[in-house]
PDB file of N, CA and C in Angstrom:
ATOM      1  N   MET A   1      86.066   5.151  51.968  1.00  0.00           N
ATOM      2  CA  MET A   1      84.406   5.016  51.300  1.00  0.00           C
ATOM      3  C   MET A   1      83.954   4.511  49.992  1.00  0.00           C
ATOM      4  N   ASN A   2      84.708   4.480  49.186  1.00  0.00           N
ATOM      5  CA  ASN A   2      84.476   4.070  47.668  1.00  0.00           C
ATOM      6  C   ASN A   2      84.907   2.482  47.843  1.00  0.00           C
ATOM      7  N   ASP A   3      85.054   1.615  48.934  1.00  0.00           N
ATOM      8  CA  ASP A   3      85.528   0.365  48.791  1.00  0.00           C
ATOM      9  C   ASP A   3      84.291  -0.506  48.416  1.00  0.00           C
ATOM     10  N   LYS A   4      83.348  -0.097  47.893  1.00  0.00           N
ATOM     11  CA  LYS A   4      81.937  -1.017  47.714  1.00  0.00           C
ATOM     12  C   LYS A   4      82.527  -1.483  46.154  1.00  0.00           C
ATOM     13  N   SER A   5      82.326  -2.798  46.180  1.00  0.00           N
ATOM     14  CA  SER A   5      82.354  -3.786  45.113  1.00  0.00           C
ATOM     15  C   SER A   5      81.493  -3.772  44.453  1.00  0.00           C
ATOM     16  N   VAL A   6      80.946  -3.952  43.133  1.00  0.00           N
ATOM     17  CA  VAL A   6      79.860  -4.144  42.382  1.00  0.00           C
ATOM     18  C   VAL A   6      79.844  -5.618  42.166  1.00  0.00           C
ATOM     19  N   VAL A   7      78.514  -6.002  42.473  1.00  0.00           N
ATOM     20  CA  VAL A   7      78.171  -7.437  42.414  1.00  0.00           C
ATOM     21  C   VAL A   7      76.865  -7.342  41.559  1.00  0.00           C
ATOM     22  N   SER A   8      77.271  -8.418  40.517  1.00  0.00           N
ATOM     23  CA  SER A   8      75.924  -8.677  39.692  1.00  0.00           C
ATOM     24  C   SER A   8      74.949  -9.967  40.235  1.00  0.00           C
ATOM     25  N   ALA A   9      74.069  -9.845  39.862  1.00  0.00           N
ATOM     26  CA  ALA A   9      72.805 -11.008  40.093  1.00  0.00           C
ATOM     27  C   ALA A   9      73.561 -12.370  39.674  1.00  0.00           C
ATOM     28  N   GLU A  10      74.097 -12.553  38.809  1.00  0.00           N
ATOM     29  CA  GLU A  10      74.750 -13.716  38.388  1.00  0.00           C
ATOM     30  C   GLU A  10      75.682 -14.380  39.417  1.00  0.00           C
ATOM     31  N   ASN A  11      76.486 -13.598  39.853  1.00  0.00           N
ATOM     32  CA  ASN A  11      77.441 -14.086  40.985  1.00  0.00           C
ATOM     33  C   ASN A  11      76.699 -14.069  42.290  1.00  0.00           C
ATOM     34  N   PHE A  12      75.609 -13.722  42.544  1.00  0.00           N
ATOM     35  CA  PHE A  12      74.922 -13.864  44.045  1.00  0.00           C
ATOM     36  C   PHE A  12      74.440 -15.192  43.855  1.00  0.00           C
ATOM     37  N   SER A  13      74.919 -15.894  44.994  1.00  0.00           N
ATOM     38  CA  SER A  13      74.545 -17.379  45.105  1.00  0.00           C
ATOM     39  C   SER A  13      72.982 -17.355  45.873  1.00  0.00           C
ATOM     40  N   GLY A  14      72.377 -16.316  46.423  1.00  0.00           N
ATOM     41  CA  GLY A  14      71.186 -16.488  47.036  1.00  0.00           C
ATOM     42  C   GLY A  14      69.989 -16.463  46.133  1.00  0.00           C
ATOM     43  N   ILE A  15      70.139 -16.273  44.677  1.00  0.00           N
ATOM     44  CA  ILE A  15      69.094 -16.347  43.628  1.00  0.00           C
ATOM     45  C   ILE A  15      68.990 -17.502  43.255  1.00  0.00           C
ATOM     46  N   VAL A  16      67.639 -18.121  42.973  1.00  0.00           N
ATOM     47  CA  VAL A  16      67.403 -19.318  42.772  1.00  0.00           C
ATOM     48  C   VAL A  16      67.087 -19.591  40.929  1.00  0.00           C
ATOM     49  N   ASN A  17      67.686 -20.466  40.693  1.00  0.00           N
ATOM     50  CA  ASN A  17      67.483 -20.559  39.299  1.00  0.00           C
ATOM     51  C   ASN A  17      65.813 -20.863  39.157  1.00  0.00           C
ATOM     52  N   LEU A  18      65.210 -20.166  38.050  1.00  0.00           N
ATOM     53  CA  LEU A  18      63.905 -20.176  38.089  1.00  0.00           C
ATOM     54  C   LEU A  18      63.288 -21.374  37.475  1.00  0.00           C
ATOM     55  N   GLY A  19      64.212 -22.360  36.920  1.00  0.00           N
ATOM     56  CA  GLY A  19      63.665 -23.455  36.381  1.00  0.00           C
ATOM     57  C   GLY A  19      63.803 -24.470  37.443  1.00  0.00           C
ATOM     58  N   LYS A  20      64.694 -24.089  38.275  1.00  0.00           N
ATOM     59  CA  LYS A  20      64.710 -25.351  39.609  1.00  0.00           C
ATOM     60  C   LYS A  20      63.802 -25.137  40.771  1.00  0.00           C
ATOM     61  N   SER A  21      63.117 -23.979  40.983  1.00  0.00           N
ATOM     62  CA  SER A  21      62.414 -23.895  41.918  1.00  0.00           C
ATOM     63  C   SER A  21      61.058 -24.422  41.876  1.00  0.00           C
ATOM     64  N   LYS A  22      60.787 -25.331  42.969  1.00  0.00           N
ATOM     65  CA  LYS A  22      59.633 -26.113  42.989  1.00  0.00           C
ATOM     66  C   LYS A  22      58.655 -25.121  43.351  1.00  0.00           C
ATOM     67  N   ARG A  23      58.828 -24.307  44.175  1.00  0.00           N
ATOM     68  CA  ARG A  23      57.844 -23.284  44.508  1.00  0.00           C
ATOM     69  C   ARG A  23      57.280 -22.512  43.392  1.00  0.00           C
ATOM     70  N   LEU A  24      58.296 -22.046  42.604  1.00  0.00           N
ATOM     71  CA  LEU A  24      58.027 -21.214  41.636  1.00  0.00           C
ATOM     72  C   LEU A  24      57.171 -21.979  40.492  1.00  0.00           C
ATOM     73  N   ALA A  25      57.781 -23.121  40.503  1.00  0.00           N
ATOM     74  CA  ALA A  25      57.207 -24.093  39.419  1.00  0.00           C
ATOM     75  C   ALA A  25      55.436 -24.339  39.623  1.00  0.00           C
ATOM     76  N   GLY A  26      55.360 -24.369  41.103  1.00  0.00           N
ATOM     77  CA  GLY A  26      53.993 -24.714  41.780  1.00  0.00           C
ATOM     78  C   GLY A  26      52.989 -23.734  41.644  1.00  0.00           C
ATOM     79  N   MET A  27      53.439 -22.541  41.403  1.00  0.00           N
ATOM     80  CA  MET A  27      53.134 -21.150  41.306  1.00  0.00           C
ATOM     81  C   MET A  27      52.678 -20.860  39.721  1.00  0.00           C
ATOM     82  N   ARG A  28      53.604 -21.286  39.229  1.00  0.00           N
ATOM     83  CA  ARG A  28      53.172 -21.193  37.443  1.00  0.00           C
ATOM     84  C   ARG A  28      52.010 -21.894  36.973  1.00  0.00           C
ATOM     85  N   VAL A  29      51.956 -23.202  37.683  1.00  0.00           N
ATOM     86  CA  VAL A  29      51.114 -24.007  37.207  1.00  0.00           C
ATOM     87  C   VAL A  29      49.728 -23.755  37.716  1.00  0.00           C
ATOM     88  N   VAL A  30      49.419 -22.909  38.951  1.00  0.00           N
ATOM     89  CA  VAL A  30      48.237 -22.323  39.411  1.00  0.00           C
ATOM     90  C   VAL A  30      48.237 -21.476  38.861  1.00  0.00           C
ATOM     91  N   ALA A  31      48.925 -20.151  38.087  1.00  0.00           N
ATOM     92  CA  ALA A  31      48.570 -19.349  37.550  1.00  0.00           C
ATOM     93  C   ALA A  31      48.121 -19.821  36.031  1.00  0.00           C
ATOM     94  N   GLN A  32      48.511 -20.795  35.471  1.00  0.00           N
ATOM     95  CA  GLN A  32      48.065 -21.086  34.123  1.00  0.00           C
ATOM     96  C   GLN A  32      46.512 -21.828  33.970  1.00  0.00           C
ATOM     97  N   LYS A  33      46.511 -22.566  35.445  1.00  0.00           N
ATOM     98  CA  LYS A  33      44.913 -23.033  35.407  1.00  0.00           C
ATOM     99  C   LYS A  33      44.029 -21.884  35.651  1.00  0.00           C
ATOM    100  N   VAL A  34      44.221 -20.623  36.428  1.00  0.00           N
ATOM    101  CA  VAL A  34      43.561 -19.480  36.088  1.00  0.00           C
ATOM    102  C   VAL A  34      43.101 -19.022  35.001  1.00  0.00           C
ATOM    103  N   GLU A  35      44.270 -18.905  34.071  1.00  0.00           N
ATOM    104  CA  GLU A  35      44.215 -18.282  32.707  1.00  0.00           C
ATOM    105  C   GLU A  35      43.331 -19.086  32.002  1.00  0.00           C
ATOM    106  N   LYS A  36      43.124 -20.520  32.006  1.00  0.00           N
ATOM    107  CA  LYS A  36      42.408 -21.467  31.379  1.00  0.00           C
ATOM    108  C   LYS A  36      40.874 -21.275  31.763  1.00  0.00           C
ATOM    109  N   LYS A  37      41.046 -21.105  33.077  1.00  0.00           N
ATOM    110  CA  LYS A  37      39.417 -20.746  33.807  1.00  0.00           C
ATOM    111  C   LYS A  37      38.804 -19.524  33.223  1.00  0.00           C
ATOM    112  N   LYS A  38      39.695 -18.421  32.864  1.00  0.00           N
ATOM    113  CA  LYS A  38      39.134 -17.414  32.552  1.00  0.00           C
ATOM    114  C   LYS A  38      38.616 -17.614  31.025  1.00  0.00           C
ATOM    115  N   ALA A  39      39.426 -18.209  30.418  1.00  0.00           N
ATOM    116  CA  ALA A  39      39.211 -18.544  28.902  1.00  0.00           C
ATOM    117  C   ALA A  39      37.985 -19.339  28.806  1.00  0.00           C
ATOM    118  N   ILE A  40      37.553 -20.371  29.520  1.00  0.00           N
ATOM    119  CA  ILE A  40      36.399 -20.895  29.653  1.00  0.00           C
ATOM    120  C   ILE A  40      35.071 -20.200  29.860  1.00  0.00           C
ATOM    121  N   ASN A  41      35.345 -19.351  30.892  1.00  0.00           N
ATOM    122  CA  ASN A  41      33.975 -18.397  31.476  1.00  0.00           C
ATOM    123  C   ASN A  41      33.829 -17.424  29.938  1.00  0.00           C
ATOM    124  N   LYS A  42      34.805 -16.740  29.407  1.00  0.00           N
ATOM    125  CA  LYS A  42      34.367 -16.244  28.331  1.00  0.00           C
ATOM    126  C   LYS A  42      33.716 -16.626  27.254  1.00  0.00           C
ATOM    127  N   VAL A  43      34.064 -17.780  27.186  1.00  0.00           N
ATOM    128  CA  VAL A  43      33.029 -18.461  26.100  1.00  0.00           C
ATOM    129  C   VAL A  43      31.898 -19.005  26.682  1.00  0.00           C
ATOM    130  N   THR A  44      31.693 -19.016  27.845  1.00  0.00           N
ATOM    131  CA  THR A  44      30.641 -19.699  28.508  1.00  0.00           C
ATOM    132  C   THR A  44      29.715 -18.283  28.707  1.00  0.00           C
ATOM    133  N   LEU A  45      30.292 -17.072  28.877  1.00  0.00           N
ATOM    134  CA  LEU A  45      29.428 -15.810  28.993  1.00  0.00           C
ATOM    135  C   LEU A  45      28.602 -15.474  27.385  1.00  0.00           C
ATOM    136  N   SER A  46      29.678 -15.648  26.475  1.00  0.00           N
ATOM    137  CA  SER A  46      29.107 -15.688  25.134  1.00  0.00           C
ATOM    138  C   SER A  46      27.800 -16.747  24.709  1.00  0.00           C
ATOM    139  N   THR A  47      28.032 -17.612  25.325  1.00  0.00           N
ATOM    140  CA  THR A  47      26.928 -18.648  25.222  1.00  0.00           C
ATOM    141  C   THR A  47      25.710 -18.315  26.100  1.00  0.00           C
ATOM    142  N   VAL A  48      25.818 -17.793  27.173  1.00  0.00           N
ATOM    143  CA  VAL A  48      24.792 -17.334  28.151  1.00  0.00           C
ATOM    144  C   VAL A  48      23.957 -15.951  27.313  1.00  0.00           C
ATOM    145  N   GLU A  49      24.849 -15.442  26.775  1.00  0.00           N
ATOM    146  CA  GLU A  49      24.386 -13.992  26.009  1.00  0.00           C
ATOM    147  C   GLU A  49      23.524 -14.575  24.903  1.00  0.00           C
ATOM    148  N   GLN A  50      24.186 -15.389  24.224  1.00  0.00           N
ATOM    149  CA  GLN A  50      23.348 -15.980  22.805  1.00  0.00           C
ATOM    150  C   GLN A  50      21.797 -16.473  23.321  1.00  0.00           C
ATOM    151  N   ALA A  51      21.989 -17.507  24.660  1.00  0.00           N
ATOM    152  CA  ALA A  51      20.718 -17.876  25.105  1.00  0.00           C
ATOM    153  C   ALA A  51      19.818 -16.719  25.325  1.00  0.00           C
ATOM    154  N   ARG A  52      20.185 -15.728  25.945  1.00  0.00           N
ATOM    155  CA  ARG A  52      19.182 -14.512  26.491  1.00  0.00           C
ATOM    156  C   ARG A  52      18.932 -13.756  25.058  1.00  0.00           C
ATOM    157  N   LEU A  53      19.324 -13.915  24.193  1.00  0.00           N
ATOM    158  CA  LEU A  53      19.236 -13.247  23.088  1.00  0.00           C
ATOM    159  C   LEU A  53      18.065 -13.998  22.355  1.00  0.00           C
ATOM    160  N   LEU A  54      18.120 -15.249  22.335  1.00  0.00           N
ATOM    161  CA  LEU A  54      17.110 -16.120  21.585  1.00  0.00           C
ATOM    162  C   LEU A  54      15.812 -16.056  22.664  1.00  0.00           C
ATOM    163  N   ILE A  55      15.888 -16.172  23.925  1.00  0.00           N
ATOM    164  CA  ILE A  55      14.685 -15.952  25.006  1.00  0.00           C
ATOM    165  C   ILE A  55      14.211 -14.489  24.282  1.00  0.00           C
ATOM    166  N   ASP A  56      14.901 -13.666  24.343  1.00  0.00           N
ATOM    167  CA  ASP A  56      14.313 -11.943  23.825  1.00  0.00           C
ATOM    168  C   ASP A  56      13.489 -12.256  22.484  1.00  0.00           C
ATOM    169  N   GLN A  57      14.385 -12.923  21.769  1.00  0.00           N
ATOM    170  CA  GLN A  57      13.529 -12.733  20.280  1.00  0.00           C
ATOM    171  C   GLN A  57      12.198 -13.762  20.406  1.00  0.00           C
ATOM    172  N   THR A  58      12.159 -14.666  21.121  1.00  0.00           N
ATOM    173  CA  THR A  58      11.126 -15.719  21.381  1.00  0.00           C
ATOM    174  C   THR A  58       9.883 -14.863  22.010  1.00  0.00           C
ATOM    175  N   ILE A  59      10.196 -14.294  22.802  1.00  0.00           N
ATOM    176  CA  ILE A  59       9.670 -13.369  23.562  1.00  0.00           C
ATOM    177  C   ILE A  59       8.615 -12.358  22.831  1.00  0.00           C
ATOM    178  N   LYS A  60       9.625 -11.585  22.040  1.00  0.00           N
ATOM    179  CA  LYS A  60       8.946 -10.618  20.869  1.00  0.00           C
ATOM    180  C   LYS A  60       7.900 -11.580  19.762  1.00  0.00           C
ATOM    181  N   GLU A  61       8.470 -12.112  19.396  1.00  0.00           N
ATOM    182  CA  GLU A  61       7.853 -12.961  18.499  1.00  0.00           C
ATOM    183  C   GLU A  61       6.064 -13.475  19.072  1.00  0.00           C
ATOM    184  N   ILE A  62       6.384 -13.981  20.575  1.00  0.00           N
ATOM    185  CA  ILE A  62       4.753 -14.604  21.128  1.00  0.00           C
ATOM    186  C   ILE A  62       3.882 -13.124  21.155  1.00  0.00           C
ATOM    187  N   LYS A  63       4.753 -12.148  21.706  1.00  0.00           N
ATOM    188  CA  LYS A  63       4.028 -10.871  22.034  1.00  0.00           C
ATOM    189  C   LYS A  63       3.217 -10.418  20.587  1.00  0.00           C
ATOM    190  N   GLN A  64       4.008 -10.638  19.510  1.00  0.00           N
ATOM    191  CA  GLN A  64       3.560  -9.995  18.155  1.00  0.00           C
ATOM    192  C   GLN A  64       2.502 -11.025  17.748  1.00  0.00           C
ATOM    193  N   ALA A  65       2.275 -12.334  18.208  1.00  0.00           N
ATOM    194  CA  ALA A  65       1.050 -12.914  17.708  1.00  0.00           C
ATOM    195  C   ALA A  65      -0.204 -12.619  18.723  1.00  0.00           C
ATOM    196  N   TYR A  66       0.020 -11.786  19.735  1.00  0.00           N
ATOM    197  CA  TYR A  66      -1.321 -11.259  20.317  1.00  0.00           C
ATOM    198  C   TYR A  66      -2.014 -10.168  19.829  1.00  0.00           C
ATOM    199  N   PRO A  67      -2.971  -9.744  19.897  1.00  0.00           N
ATOM    200  CA  PRO A  67      -3.542  -8.627  19.869  1.00  0.00           C
ATOM    201  C   PRO A  67      -2.817  -7.613  20.286  1.00  0.00           C
ATOM    202  N   GLU A  68      -2.663  -6.131  19.568  1.00  0.00           N
ATOM    203  CA  GLU A  68      -1.921  -5.380  19.987  1.00  0.00           C
ATOM    204  C   GLU A  68      -1.974  -4.664  21.329  1.00  0.00           C
ATOM    205  N   GLY A  69      -3.412  -4.286  21.853  1.00  0.00           N
ATOM    206  CA  GLY A  69      -3.922  -4.171  22.962  1.00  0.00           C
ATOM    207  C   GLY A  69      -3.721  -4.779  24.182  1.00  0.00           C
ATOM    208  N   LYS A  70      -3.602  -6.269  23.906  1.00  0.00           N
ATOM    209  CA  LYS A  70      -3.392  -7.495  25.160  1.00  0.00           C
ATOM    210  C   LYS A  70      -1.983  -8.222  25.169  1.00  0.00           C
ATOM    211  N   ARG A  71      -1.084  -7.480  24.346  1.00  0.00           N
ATOM    212  CA  ARG A  71       0.303  -8.084  24.556  1.00  0.00           C
ATOM    213  C   ARG A  71       0.792  -8.575  25.808  1.00  0.00           C
ATOM    214  N   ASN A  72       1.081  -7.458  26.712  1.00  0.00           N
ATOM    215  CA  ASN A  72       1.527  -7.671  27.626  1.00  0.00           C
ATOM    216  C   ASN A  72       0.614  -8.648  28.796  1.00  0.00           C
ATOM    217  N   SER A  73      -0.774  -8.288  28.839  1.00  0.00           N
ATOM    218  CA  SER A  73      -1.613  -9.057  29.715  1.00  0.00           C
ATOM    219  C   SER A  73      -1.467 -10.806  29.334  1.00  0.00           C
ATOM    220  N   LEU A  74      -1.719 -10.858  28.109  1.00  0.00           N
ATOM    221  CA  LEU A  74      -1.961 -12.267  27.702  1.00  0.00           C
ATOM    222  C   LEU A  74      -0.500 -13.109  27.875  1.00  0.00           C
ATOM    223  N   LEU A  75       0.670 -12.157  27.690  1.00  0.00           N
ATOM    224  CA  LEU A  75       2.133 -12.998  28.010  1.00  0.00           C
ATOM    225  C   LEU A  75       2.127 -13.079  29.465  1.00  0.00           C
ATOM    226  N   ASN A  76       1.780 -12.163  30.349  1.00  0.00           N
ATOM    227  CA  ASN A  76       1.529 -12.503  31.855  1.00  0.00           C
ATOM    228  C   ASN A  76       0.922 -13.871  32.292  1.00  0.00           C
ATOM    229  N   LEU A  77      -0.563 -13.711  31.515  1.00  0.00           N
ATOM    230  CA  LEU A  77      -1.254 -15.173  32.008  1.00  0.00           C
ATOM    231  C   LEU A  77      -1.074 -16.506  31.463  1.00  0.00           C
ATOM    232  N   ARG A  78      -0.159 -16.171  30.235  1.00  0.00           N
ATOM    233  CA  ARG A  78       0.135 -17.497  29.571  1.00  0.00           C
ATOM    234  C   ARG A  78       1.441 -17.779  30.130  1.00  0.00           C
ATOM    235  N   TYR A  79       2.344 -17.049  30.397  1.00  0.00           N
ATOM    236  CA  TYR A  79       3.725 -17.528  30.938  1.00  0.00           C
ATOM    237  C   TYR A  79       4.232 -16.863  32.192  1.00  0.00           C
ATOM    238  N   ALA A  80       4.642 -15.613  32.017  1.00  0.00           N
ATOM    239  CA  ALA A  80       4.866 -15.007  33.265  1.00  0.00           C
ATOM    240  C   ALA A  80       5.311 -13.541  33.017  1.00  0.00           C
ATOM    241  N   SER A  81       5.264 -12.407  33.774  1.00  0.00           N
ATOM    242  CA  SER A  81       5.909 -11.222  33.241  1.00  0.00           C
ATOM    243  C   SER A  81       7.398 -11.241  32.867  1.00  0.00           C
ATOM    244  N   GLU A  82       7.633 -10.173  31.771  1.00  0.00           N
ATOM    245  CA  GLU A  82       8.768  -9.994  31.446  1.00  0.00           C
ATOM    246  C   GLU A  82      10.035  -9.796  32.487  1.00  0.00           C
ATOM    247  N   GLN A  83       9.303  -8.954  33.754  1.00  0.00           N
ATOM    248  CA  GLN A  83      10.604  -8.861  34.638  1.00  0.00           C
ATOM    249  C   GLN A  83      10.666 -10.233  35.242  1.00  0.00           C
ATOM    250  N   LYS A  84       9.764 -11.226  35.585  1.00  0.00           N
ATOM    251  CA  LYS A  84      10.072 -12.418  36.266  1.00  0.00           C
ATOM    252  C   LYS A  84      10.678 -13.278  35.135  1.00  0.00           C
ATOM    253  N   ILE A  85      10.641 -13.141  34.129  1.00  0.00           N
ATOM    254  CA  ILE A  85      11.159 -14.273  32.965  1.00  0.00           C
ATOM    255  C   ILE A  85      12.702 -13.608  33.337  1.00  0.00           C
ATOM    256  N   ALA A  86      12.821 -12.358  33.276  1.00  0.00           N
ATOM    257  CA  ALA A  86      14.432 -11.977  33.334  1.00  0.00           C
ATOM    258  C   ALA A  86      14.916 -12.407  34.561  1.00  0.00           C
ATOM    259  N   LYS A  87      14.370 -12.539  35.745  1.00  0.00           N
ATOM    260  CA  LYS A  87      14.828 -13.033  36.748  1.00  0.00           C
ATOM    261  C   LYS A  87      15.216 -14.374  37.274  1.00  0.00           C
ATOM    262  N   MET A  88      14.441 -15.393  36.117  1.00  0.00           N
ATOM    263  CA  MET A  88      14.736 -16.729  36.205  1.00  0.00           C
ATOM    264  C   MET A  88      15.785 -17.359  35.731  1.00  0.00           C
ATOM    265  N   ALA A  89      16.467 -18.606  35.660  1.00  0.00           N
ATOM    266  CA  ALA A  89      17.385 -19.123  35.554  1.00  0.00           C
ATOM    267  C   ALA A  89      17.271 -19.538  34.240  1.00  0.00           C
ATOM    268  N   ILE A  90      18.063 -19.585  33.084  1.00  0.00           N
ATOM    269  CA  ILE A  90      18.052 -19.598  31.955  1.00  0.00           C
ATOM    270  C   ILE A  90      17.426 -21.191  31.379  1.00  0.00           C
ATOM    271  N   GLY A  91      17.607 -22.142  32.038  1.00  0.00           N
ATOM    272  CA  GLY A  91      16.917 -23.461  31.998  1.00  0.00           C
ATOM    273  C   GLY A  91      15.629 -23.206  32.041  1.00  0.00           C
ATOM    274  N   GLU A  92      14.898 -22.817  33.352  1.00  0.00           N
ATOM    275  CA  GLU A  92      13.799 -22.466  33.654  1.00  0.00           C
ATOM    276  C   GLU A  92      12.978 -21.612  32.480  1.00  0.00           C
ATOM    277  N   VAL A  93      13.713 -20.631  32.049  1.00  0.00           N
ATOM    278  CA  VAL A  93      12.978 -20.280  31.013  1.00  0.00           C
ATOM    279  C   VAL A  93      12.684 -20.945  29.532  1.00  0.00           C
ATOM    280  N   PHE A  94      14.016 -21.575  29.436  1.00  0.00           N
ATOM    281  CA  PHE A  94      13.827 -22.526  28.135  1.00  0.00           C
ATOM    282  C   PHE A  94      12.535 -23.974  28.328  1.00  0.00           C
ATOM    283  N   LYS A  95      12.614 -24.380  29.349  1.00  0.00           N
ATOM    284  CA  LYS A  95      11.430 -25.084  29.869  1.00  0.00           C
ATOM    285  C   LYS A  95      10.095 -24.241  29.938  1.00  0.00           C
ATOM    286  N   LEU A  96      10.002 -22.996  30.238  1.00  0.00           N
ATOM    287  CA  LEU A  96       8.626 -22.577  30.242  1.00  0.00           C
ATOM    288  C   LEU A  96       8.190 -21.885  28.923  1.00  0.00           C
ATOM    289  N   LEU A  97       9.354 -21.610  27.927  1.00  0.00           N
ATOM    290  CA  LEU A  97       8.970 -21.245  26.606  1.00  0.00           C
ATOM    291  C   LEU A  97       9.006 -22.290  25.684  1.00  0.00           C
ATOM    292  N   LYS A  98       9.352 -23.558  26.282  1.00  0.00           N
ATOM    293  CA  LYS A  98       9.488 -24.787  25.517  1.00  0.00           C
ATOM    294  C   LYS A  98      10.353 -24.417  24.246  1.00  0.00           C
ATOM    295  N   LEU A  99      11.800 -24.035  24.745  1.00  0.00           N
ATOM    296  CA  LEU A  99      12.622 -23.764  23.377  1.00  0.00           C
ATOM    297  C   LEU A  99      13.596 -24.874  23.754  1.00  0.00           C
ATOM    298  N   GLU A 100      14.256 -25.439  22.663  1.00  0.00           N
ATOM    299  CA  GLU A 100      15.254 -26.563  22.538  1.00  0.00           C
ATOM    300  C   GLU A 100      16.381 -26.281  21.783  1.00  0.00           C
ATOM    301  N   ASP A 101      17.514 -26.206  22.125  1.00  0.00           N
ATOM    302  CA  ASP A 101      18.724 -26.265  21.135  1.00  0.00           C
ATOM    303  C   ASP A 101      19.966 -26.701  21.645  1.00  0.00           C
ATOM    304  N   LYS A 102      20.514 -27.758  20.990  1.00  0.00           N
ATOM    305  CA  LYS A 102      21.533 -28.496  21.272  1.00  0.00           C
ATOM    306  C   LYS A 102      22.590 -27.593  21.849  1.00  0.00           C
ATOM    307  N   LYS A 103      23.074 -26.641  21.226  1.00  0.00           N
ATOM    308  CA  LYS A 103      23.941 -25.518  21.305  1.00  0.00           C
ATOM    309  C   LYS A 103      23.806 -24.883  22.647  1.00  0.00           C
ATOM    310  N   PHE A 104      22.916 -25.114  23.654  1.00  0.00           N
ATOM    311  CA  PHE A 104      22.740 -24.341  24.778  1.00  0.00           C
ATOM    312  C   PHE A 104      22.584 -25.375  25.868  1.00  0.00           C
ATOM    313  N   LYS A 105      22.786 -26.719  25.668  1.00  0.00           N
ATOM    314  CA  LYS A 105      22.566 -27.553  26.545  1.00  0.00           C
ATOM    315  C   LYS A 105      23.328 -27.582  27.886  1.00  0.00           C
ATOM    316  N   LYS A 106      24.987 -26.975  27.539  1.00  0.00           N
ATOM    317  CA  LYS A 106      25.566 -27.055  28.821  1.00  0.00           C
ATOM    318  C   LYS A 106      25.064 -25.827  29.815  1.00  0.00           C
ATOM    319  N   VAL A 107      24.801 -24.580  29.026  1.00  0.00           N
ATOM    320  CA  VAL A 107      24.074 -23.442  29.761  1.00  0.00           C
ATOM    321  C   VAL A 107      22.981 -23.904  30.538  1.00  0.00           C
ATOM    322  N   LEU A 108      21.941 -24.851  29.980  1.00  0.00           N
ATOM    323  CA  LEU A 108      20.795 -25.524  30.650  1.00  0.00           C
ATOM    324  C   LEU A 108      20.931 -26.250  32.080  1.00  0.00           C
ATOM    325  N   VAL A 109      22.115 -27.053  31.670  1.00  0.00           N
ATOM    326  CA  VAL A 109      22.313 -27.626  32.999  1.00  0.00           C
ATOM    327  C   VAL A 109      23.119 -27.195  33.965  1.00  0.00           C
ATOM    328  N   GLU A 110      24.125 -26.145  33.752  1.00  0.00           N
ATOM    329  CA  GLU A 110      24.613 -25.655  34.903  1.00  0.00           C
ATOM    330  C   GLU A 110      23.590 -24.638  35.548  1.00  0.00           C
ATOM    331  N   GLY A 111      22.825 -24.055  34.800  1.00  0.00           N
ATOM    332  CA  GLY A 111      21.745 -23.230  35.416  1.00  0.00           C
ATOM    333  C   GLY A 111      22.249 -21.887  35.747  1.00  0.00           C
ATOM    334  N   TYR A 112      22.842 -20.967  34.413  1.00  0.00           N
ATOM    335  CA  TYR A 112      23.437 -19.811  34.855  1.00  0.00           C
ATOM    336  C   TYR A 112      22.183 -19.029  34.876  1.00  0.00           C
ATOM    337  N   LYS A 113      22.604 -17.883  35.619  1.00  0.00           N
ATOM    338  CA  LYS A 113      21.543 -16.690  35.947  1.00  0.00           C
ATOM    339  C   LYS A 113      21.943 -15.509  34.899  1.00  0.00           C
ATOM    340  N   LYS A 114      21.185 -14.632  34.633  1.00  0.00           N
ATOM    341  CA  LYS A 114      21.659 -13.408  33.922  1.00  0.00           C
ATOM    342  C   LYS A 114      22.697 -12.445  34.624  1.00  0.00           C
TER     343      LYS A 114
END
């Protein structure tokens, strides 16, 4: 019953060297591409968040310029309600509020939503 021999992974011919496997190399390349895309999306999200902050700040400045009792109604008449602005694409809001910034050019072209 104790006739079992111990075999290490180095002596087993069924294991493929990881550096020589074409399939594993292909999988490794795909995994690296996915990681790069995730890194790019993180940068884009921060840019989108910055654009949203600029939009919110501009809306506050516009509302402060109006008389206190008419702020919301004048904003609705001239531009749109804040709920509609929040649902719009960032590019549309930049055009509506006449905002221009070179830093957000990529965001405006791609038309990300909130």
